[in-house]
Amino acid sequence: MKSILGVVAALALGAAAAVAQSVDEEIAERIAPVGETCMKGEECAAAVAAAPAAGGGARSGEEVYKGSCFSCHGTGAAGAPKMGDAAAWGPRIDKGIDTLYTHAINGFNAMPPKGLCMDCSEDEVKAAVDYMVEGSK
């Protein structure tokens, strides 16, 4: 009888330990971060930068404008020149297209780099600048 109780106690202890470990694993899974942070210069950042745009091809300037630029350049938020406002765009255009590209890619005054379109390539940002310039002359 003692040996049977000993076996039952050992089994109960083993089951309790397994349940405790299972609960710990479930908790760890629930509180795990959703993704990883990847900093510029790390190997993982190169993979992100090389990833193609959604749909496989580069987005047009109009698509980038409508998806990212419109929120400021369509409303004038934070002093952004509104698309179509030749008076606001004139002095900027006079500085040259390369200056506009540099400001759009790196940020300028209240405008953050790439206008916060972090999945936009530099060519897509340039296409958006070209689209806004053409529509603002």
N, C-alpha and C. Protein backbone atom coordinates (compact mmCIF):
# COMPACT_ATOMS: atom_id res chain seq x y z
N MET A 1 0.82 -1.18 0.00
CA MET A 1 0.00 0.00 0.00
C MET A 1 0.87 1.26 0.00
N LYS A 2 1.96 1.25 0.80
CA LYS A 2 2.86 2.38 0.84
C LYS A 2 3.48 2.64 -0.53
N SER A 3 3.84 1.57 -1.21
CA SER A 3 4.49 1.72 -2.51
C SER A 3 3.52 2.29 -3.54
N ILE A 4 2.26 1.92 -3.44
CA ILE A 4 1.26 2.45 -4.36
C ILE A 4 1.07 3.94 -4.10
N LEU A 5 0.99 4.32 -2.82
CA LEU A 5 0.87 5.75 -2.49
C LEU A 5 2.09 6.52 -2.93
N GLY A 6 3.27 5.94 -2.84
CA GLY A 6 4.50 6.57 -3.28
C GLY A 6 4.49 6.82 -4.78
N VAL A 7 4.02 5.81 -5.53
CA VAL A 7 3.93 5.95 -6.99
C VAL A 7 2.92 7.02 -7.36
N VAL A 8 1.75 7.01 -6.69
CA VAL A 8 0.72 8.01 -6.96
C VAL A 8 1.24 9.41 -6.63
N ALA A 9 1.94 9.55 -5.51
CA ALA A 9 2.50 10.85 -5.13
C ALA A 9 3.53 11.31 -6.15
N ALA A 10 4.37 10.40 -6.63
CA ALA A 10 5.39 10.76 -7.62
C ALA A 10 4.73 11.19 -8.93
N LEU A 11 3.69 10.48 -9.33
CA LEU A 11 2.97 10.85 -10.55
C LEU A 11 2.30 12.21 -10.41
N ALA A 12 1.70 12.46 -9.25
CA ALA A 12 1.04 13.74 -9.00
C ALA A 12 2.04 14.88 -9.03
N LEU A 13 3.20 14.68 -8.44
CA LEU A 13 4.25 15.70 -8.46
C LEU A 13 4.73 15.97 -9.88
N GLY A 14 4.92 14.91 -10.64
CA GLY A 14 5.35 15.06 -12.03
C GLY A 14 4.33 15.81 -12.86
N ALA A 15 3.05 15.49 -12.66
CA ALA A 15 1.97 16.17 -13.39
C ALA A 15 1.91 17.64 -13.00
N ALA A 16 2.05 17.94 -11.72
CA ALA A 16 2.02 19.33 -11.25
C ALA A 16 3.17 20.12 -11.85
N ALA A 17 4.36 19.52 -11.92
CA ALA A 17 5.51 20.20 -12.51
C ALA A 17 5.29 20.46 -13.99
N ALA A 18 4.71 19.51 -14.70
CA ALA A 18 4.44 19.66 -16.13
C ALA A 18 3.42 20.77 -16.37
N VAL A 19 2.37 20.83 -15.53
CA VAL A 19 1.36 21.87 -15.66
C VAL A 19 1.98 23.23 -15.39
N ALA A 20 2.81 23.33 -14.36
CA ALA A 20 3.46 24.60 -14.02
C ALA A 20 4.35 25.06 -15.17
N GLN A 21 5.09 24.14 -15.77
CA GLN A 21 5.96 24.49 -16.88
C GLN A 21 5.11 24.93 -18.07
N SER A 22 4.02 24.24 -18.33
CA SER A 22 3.12 24.58 -19.43
C SER A 22 2.54 25.98 -19.24
N VAL A 23 2.12 26.29 -18.03
CA VAL A 23 1.57 27.61 -17.73
C VAL A 23 2.65 28.69 -17.93
N ASP A 24 3.86 28.43 -17.47
CA ASP A 24 4.96 29.38 -17.66
C ASP A 24 5.22 29.63 -19.14
N GLU A 25 5.19 28.56 -19.94
CA GLU A 25 5.42 28.70 -21.37
C GLU A 25 4.30 29.50 -22.03
N GLU A 26 3.06 29.27 -21.62
CA GLU A 26 1.93 30.02 -22.17
C GLU A 26 2.04 31.50 -21.83
N ILE A 27 2.43 31.80 -20.60
CA ILE A 27 2.59 33.20 -20.19
C ILE A 27 3.70 33.86 -21.01
N ALA A 28 4.83 33.18 -21.14
CA ALA A 28 5.94 33.73 -21.91
C ALA A 28 5.54 33.99 -23.35
N GLU A 29 4.74 33.10 -23.91
CA GLU A 29 4.28 33.28 -25.29
C GLU A 29 3.35 34.48 -25.41
N ARG A 30 2.47 34.67 -24.42
CA ARG A 30 1.53 35.79 -24.46
C ARG A 30 2.21 37.14 -24.30
N ILE A 31 3.28 37.21 -23.56
CA ILE A 31 3.93 38.50 -23.32
C ILE A 31 5.16 38.73 -24.19
N ALA A 32 5.42 37.81 -25.11
CA ALA A 32 6.57 37.96 -26.01
C ALA A 32 6.34 39.15 -26.94
N PRO A 33 7.40 39.86 -27.34
CA PRO A 33 7.26 40.96 -28.28
C PRO A 33 6.68 40.48 -29.61
N VAL A 34 5.95 41.36 -30.28
CA VAL A 34 5.33 41.01 -31.55
C VAL A 34 6.39 40.87 -32.64
N GLY A 35 7.37 41.74 -32.65
CA GLY A 35 8.41 41.72 -33.67
C GLY A 35 9.76 42.02 -33.06
N GLU A 36 10.72 42.24 -33.93
CA GLU A 36 12.06 42.55 -33.48
C GLU A 36 12.43 43.96 -33.94
N THR A 37 13.25 44.63 -33.19
CA THR A 37 13.75 45.93 -33.60
C THR A 37 15.00 45.70 -34.44
N CYS A 38 15.05 46.38 -35.55
CA CYS A 38 16.18 46.22 -36.46
C CYS A 38 16.75 47.61 -36.72
N MET A 39 17.98 47.81 -36.30
CA MET A 39 18.60 49.12 -36.42
C MET A 39 19.42 49.23 -37.70
N LYS A 40 19.52 50.44 -38.20
CA LYS A 40 20.32 50.69 -39.40
C LYS A 40 21.73 50.19 -39.15
N GLY A 41 22.28 49.50 -40.13
CA GLY A 41 23.63 48.96 -40.00
C GLY A 41 23.64 47.49 -39.62
N GLU A 42 22.56 46.99 -39.05
CA GLU A 42 22.47 45.58 -38.71
C GLU A 42 22.09 44.79 -39.96
N GLU A 43 22.45 43.53 -39.96
CA GLU A 43 22.18 42.68 -41.13
C GLU A 43 20.70 42.64 -41.47
N CYS A 44 19.84 42.60 -40.45
CA CYS A 44 18.40 42.52 -40.71
C CYS A 44 17.87 43.78 -41.39
N ALA A 45 18.49 44.93 -41.17
CA ALA A 45 18.05 46.18 -41.78
C ALA A 45 18.26 46.15 -43.29
N ALA A 46 19.32 45.52 -43.74
CA ALA A 46 19.58 45.42 -45.17
C ALA A 46 18.47 44.62 -45.85
N ALA A 47 17.97 43.59 -45.19
CA ALA A 47 16.91 42.78 -45.77
C ALA A 47 15.63 43.58 -45.89
N VAL A 48 15.33 44.42 -44.90
CA VAL A 48 14.14 45.26 -44.95
C VAL A 48 14.26 46.28 -46.06
N ALA A 49 15.42 46.91 -46.17
CA ALA A 49 15.62 47.93 -47.19
C ALA A 49 15.52 47.35 -48.59
N ALA A 50 15.90 46.11 -48.75
CA ALA A 50 15.88 45.48 -50.06
C ALA A 50 14.52 44.89 -50.42
N ALA A 51 13.59 44.86 -49.47
CA ALA A 51 12.29 44.27 -49.73
C ALA A 51 11.54 45.08 -50.77
N PRO A 52 10.92 44.43 -51.74
CA PRO A 52 10.18 45.15 -52.77
C PRO A 52 8.89 45.73 -52.21
N ALA A 53 8.37 46.72 -52.87
CA ALA A 53 7.11 47.34 -52.46
C ALA A 53 5.98 46.33 -52.59
N ALA A 54 4.89 46.57 -51.88
CA ALA A 54 3.74 45.68 -51.95
C ALA A 54 3.28 45.57 -53.39
N GLY A 55 2.97 44.39 -53.84
CA GLY A 55 2.55 44.19 -55.20
C GLY A 55 3.70 43.89 -56.13
N GLY A 56 4.93 43.99 -55.65
CA GLY A 56 6.09 43.59 -56.43
C GLY A 56 6.78 44.70 -57.17
N GLY A 57 6.11 45.80 -57.50
CA GLY A 57 6.75 46.85 -58.27
C GLY A 57 6.78 48.16 -57.52
N ALA A 58 7.54 49.08 -58.05
CA ALA A 58 7.62 50.41 -57.45
C ALA A 58 6.28 51.12 -57.60
N ARG A 59 5.92 51.86 -56.59
CA ARG A 59 4.69 52.65 -56.64
C ARG A 59 4.94 53.93 -57.43
N SER A 60 3.91 54.41 -58.06
CA SER A 60 4.01 55.66 -58.81
C SER A 60 4.05 56.84 -57.84
N GLY A 61 4.44 57.99 -58.35
CA GLY A 61 4.44 59.20 -57.53
C GLY A 61 3.06 59.52 -57.00
N GLU A 62 2.06 59.31 -57.83
CA GLU A 62 0.68 59.56 -57.41
C GLU A 62 0.27 58.62 -56.28
N GLU A 63 0.65 57.35 -56.39
CA GLU A 63 0.31 56.37 -55.34
C GLU A 63 0.97 56.73 -54.02
N VAL A 64 2.23 57.12 -54.07
CA VAL A 64 2.94 57.50 -52.85
C VAL A 64 2.32 58.76 -52.28
N TYR A 65 2.03 59.73 -53.14
CA TYR A 65 1.40 60.98 -52.67
C TYR A 65 0.08 60.68 -51.96
N LYS A 66 -0.77 59.89 -52.60
CA LYS A 66 -2.08 59.59 -52.01
C LYS A 66 -1.97 58.76 -50.74
N GLY A 67 -0.95 57.90 -50.67
CA GLY A 67 -0.79 57.03 -49.51
C GLY A 67 -0.07 57.66 -48.35
N SER A 68 0.85 58.59 -48.61
CA SER A 68 1.67 59.13 -47.53
C SER A 68 1.75 60.65 -47.48
N CYS A 69 1.83 61.28 -48.62
CA CYS A 69 2.11 62.72 -48.67
C CYS A 69 0.87 63.58 -48.48
N PHE A 70 -0.28 63.05 -48.90
CA PHE A 70 -1.50 63.84 -48.90
C PHE A 70 -1.87 64.38 -47.53
N SER A 71 -1.61 63.61 -46.50
CA SER A 71 -2.04 64.03 -45.16
C SER A 71 -1.48 65.41 -44.79
N CYS A 72 -0.33 65.76 -45.28
CA CYS A 72 0.23 67.10 -45.01
C CYS A 72 0.15 68.00 -46.25
N HIS A 73 0.57 67.48 -47.41
CA HIS A 73 0.62 68.30 -48.61
C HIS A 73 -0.74 68.49 -49.27
N GLY A 74 -1.74 67.79 -48.80
CA GLY A 74 -3.11 68.01 -49.27
C GLY A 74 -3.87 68.96 -48.38
N THR A 75 -3.38 69.13 -47.13
CA THR A 75 -4.09 69.95 -46.15
C THR A 75 -3.30 71.17 -45.69
N GLY A 76 -2.00 71.15 -45.92
CA GLY A 76 -1.15 72.25 -45.44
C GLY A 76 -0.72 72.06 -43.99
N ALA A 77 -0.90 70.87 -43.46
CA ALA A 77 -0.54 70.60 -42.06
C ALA A 77 0.94 70.88 -41.83
N ALA A 78 1.25 71.41 -40.66
CA ALA A 78 2.62 71.70 -40.22
C ALA A 78 3.36 72.60 -41.19
N GLY A 79 2.63 73.43 -41.95
CA GLY A 79 3.26 74.36 -42.86
C GLY A 79 3.68 73.76 -44.20
N ALA A 80 3.26 72.54 -44.47
CA ALA A 80 3.60 71.89 -45.74
C ALA A 80 2.93 72.63 -46.89
N PRO A 81 3.66 72.86 -47.98
CA PRO A 81 3.02 73.51 -49.13
C PRO A 81 1.98 72.57 -49.75
N LYS A 82 0.78 73.08 -49.97
CA LYS A 82 -0.28 72.26 -50.54
C LYS A 82 0.01 72.00 -52.02
N MET A 83 -0.25 70.78 -52.41
CA MET A 83 -0.09 70.46 -53.83
C MET A 83 -1.05 71.34 -54.63
N GLY A 84 -0.54 71.92 -55.70
CA GLY A 84 -1.34 72.79 -56.55
C GLY A 84 -1.17 74.26 -56.22
N ASP A 85 -0.54 74.57 -55.10
CA ASP A 85 -0.33 75.96 -54.69
C ASP A 85 0.99 76.46 -55.28
N ALA A 86 0.90 77.03 -56.48
CA ALA A 86 2.11 77.47 -57.21
C ALA A 86 2.89 78.51 -56.42
N ALA A 87 2.21 79.38 -55.70
CA ALA A 87 2.91 80.43 -54.93
C ALA A 87 3.75 79.82 -53.82
N ALA A 88 3.25 78.79 -53.17
CA ALA A 88 3.99 78.14 -52.08
C ALA A 88 5.11 77.27 -52.63
N TRP A 89 4.88 76.63 -53.76
CA TRP A 89 5.88 75.73 -54.33
C TRP A 89 6.96 76.46 -55.13
N GLY A 90 6.64 77.63 -55.69
CA GLY A 90 7.58 78.35 -56.54
C GLY A 90 8.97 78.51 -55.95
N PRO A 91 9.09 79.10 -54.74
CA PRO A 91 10.43 79.26 -54.16
C PRO A 91 11.13 77.93 -53.89
N ARG A 92 10.39 76.92 -53.59
CA ARG A 92 10.98 75.60 -53.35
C ARG A 92 11.50 75.00 -54.66
N ILE A 93 10.69 75.12 -55.70
CA ILE A 93 11.09 74.61 -57.01
C ILE A 93 12.33 75.35 -57.51
N ASP A 94 12.40 76.65 -57.21
CA ASP A 94 13.56 77.46 -57.64
C ASP A 94 14.87 76.97 -57.03
N LYS A 95 14.81 76.27 -55.89
CA LYS A 95 16.03 75.75 -55.26
C LYS A 95 16.58 74.54 -56.03
N GLY A 96 15.79 73.99 -56.91
CA GLY A 96 16.25 72.86 -57.72
C GLY A 96 15.67 71.54 -57.24
N ILE A 97 15.50 70.65 -58.19
CA ILE A 97 14.87 69.36 -57.90
C ILE A 97 15.72 68.51 -56.96
N ASP A 98 17.05 68.62 -57.07
CA ASP A 98 17.91 67.83 -56.19
C ASP A 98 17.75 68.24 -54.73
N THR A 99 17.55 69.53 -54.48
CA THR A 99 17.31 70.02 -53.12
C THR A 99 15.97 69.48 -52.60
N LEU A 100 14.96 69.49 -53.46
CA LEU A 100 13.66 68.95 -53.06
C LEU A 100 13.76 67.46 -52.75
N TYR A 101 14.51 66.73 -53.57
CA TYR A 101 14.70 65.30 -53.30
C TYR A 101 15.38 65.09 -51.96
N THR A 102 16.46 65.86 -51.73
CA THR A 102 17.21 65.72 -50.47
C THR A 102 16.32 66.01 -49.27
N HIS A 103 15.53 67.08 -49.35
CA HIS A 103 14.64 67.42 -48.24
C HIS A 103 13.58 66.35 -48.02
N ALA A 104 13.05 65.81 -49.11
CA ALA A 104 12.01 64.78 -48.99
C ALA A 104 12.57 63.49 -48.40
N ILE A 105 13.76 63.12 -48.80
CA ILE A 105 14.36 61.86 -48.34
C ILE A 105 14.88 61.98 -46.92
N ASN A 106 15.56 63.08 -46.61
CA ASN A 106 16.20 63.24 -45.30
C ASN A 106 15.37 64.01 -44.28
N GLY A 107 14.33 64.65 -44.72
CA GLY A 107 13.51 65.48 -43.84
C GLY A 107 13.99 66.91 -43.87
N PHE A 108 13.08 67.83 -43.57
CA PHE A 108 13.42 69.26 -43.60
C PHE A 108 12.37 70.00 -42.77
N ASN A 109 12.84 70.84 -41.87
CA ASN A 109 11.95 71.58 -40.97
C ASN A 109 10.99 70.59 -40.29
N ALA A 110 9.69 70.77 -40.45
CA ALA A 110 8.72 69.90 -39.76
C ALA A 110 8.49 68.58 -40.49
N MET A 111 9.03 68.46 -41.70
CA MET A 111 8.82 67.22 -42.45
C MET A 111 9.81 66.16 -42.02
N PRO A 112 9.31 65.01 -41.59
CA PRO A 112 10.21 63.91 -41.21
C PRO A 112 10.79 63.23 -42.45
N PRO A 113 11.88 62.49 -42.28
CA PRO A 113 12.45 61.77 -43.43
C PRO A 113 11.41 60.92 -44.14
N LYS A 114 11.43 61.01 -45.45
CA LYS A 114 10.51 60.28 -46.32
C LYS A 114 9.05 60.55 -45.97
N GLY A 115 8.79 61.64 -45.27
CA GLY A 115 7.41 61.94 -44.89
C GLY A 115 6.77 60.82 -44.10
N LEU A 116 7.61 60.05 -43.40
CA LEU A 116 7.23 58.88 -42.61
C LEU A 116 6.79 57.69 -43.46
N CYS A 117 7.04 57.73 -44.75
CA CYS A 117 6.77 56.56 -45.59
C CYS A 117 8.01 55.69 -45.55
N MET A 118 8.19 54.97 -44.45
CA MET A 118 9.42 54.23 -44.23
C MET A 118 9.55 53.01 -45.14
N ASP A 119 8.47 52.59 -45.77
CA ASP A 119 8.60 51.49 -46.72
C ASP A 119 8.76 52.00 -48.16
N CYS A 120 8.88 53.30 -48.32
CA CYS A 120 9.11 53.88 -49.65
C CYS A 120 10.60 53.84 -49.97
N SER A 121 10.90 53.50 -51.20
CA SER A 121 12.29 53.58 -51.65
C SER A 121 12.59 55.05 -51.97
N GLU A 122 13.86 55.36 -52.12
CA GLU A 122 14.23 56.73 -52.48
C GLU A 122 13.64 57.10 -53.84
N ASP A 123 13.61 56.15 -54.76
CA ASP A 123 13.04 56.42 -56.08
C ASP A 123 11.54 56.71 -55.98
N GLU A 124 10.84 56.02 -55.09
CA GLU A 124 9.42 56.28 -54.91
C GLU A 124 9.19 57.67 -54.31
N VAL A 125 10.05 58.05 -53.36
CA VAL A 125 9.94 59.39 -52.77
C VAL A 125 10.20 60.44 -53.85
N LYS A 126 11.21 60.22 -54.68
CA LYS A 126 11.50 61.15 -55.77
C LYS A 126 10.32 61.24 -56.74
N ALA A 127 9.69 60.10 -57.02
CA ALA A 127 8.53 60.09 -57.91
C ALA A 127 7.39 60.92 -57.31
N ALA A 128 7.22 60.83 -56.00
CA ALA A 128 6.18 61.63 -55.33
C ALA A 128 6.51 63.11 -55.42
N VAL A 129 7.78 63.46 -55.24
CA VAL A 129 8.20 64.86 -55.37
C VAL A 129 7.90 65.34 -56.79
N ASP A 130 8.29 64.54 -57.78
CA ASP A 130 8.03 64.91 -59.18
C ASP A 130 6.54 65.12 -59.42
N TYR A 131 5.72 64.24 -58.86
CA TYR A 131 4.27 64.33 -59.01
C TYR A 131 3.75 65.63 -58.40
N MET A 132 4.22 65.97 -57.19
CA MET A 132 3.76 67.20 -56.55
C MET A 132 4.26 68.44 -57.27
N VAL A 133 5.50 68.42 -57.73
CA VAL A 133 6.05 69.57 -58.45
C VAL A 133 5.26 69.80 -59.75
N GLU A 134 5.03 68.72 -60.50
CA GLU A 134 4.28 68.85 -61.75
C GLU A 134 2.88 69.39 -61.51
N GLY A 135 2.27 69.00 -60.43
CA GLY A 135 0.92 69.46 -60.12
C GLY A 135 0.87 70.81 -59.41
N SER A 136 2.03 71.44 -59.23
CA SER A 136 2.08 72.68 -58.47
C SER A 136 2.76 73.82 -59.21
N LYS A 137 2.98 73.67 -60.49
CA LYS A 137 3.63 74.73 -61.28
C LYS A 137 2.63 75.75 -61.73
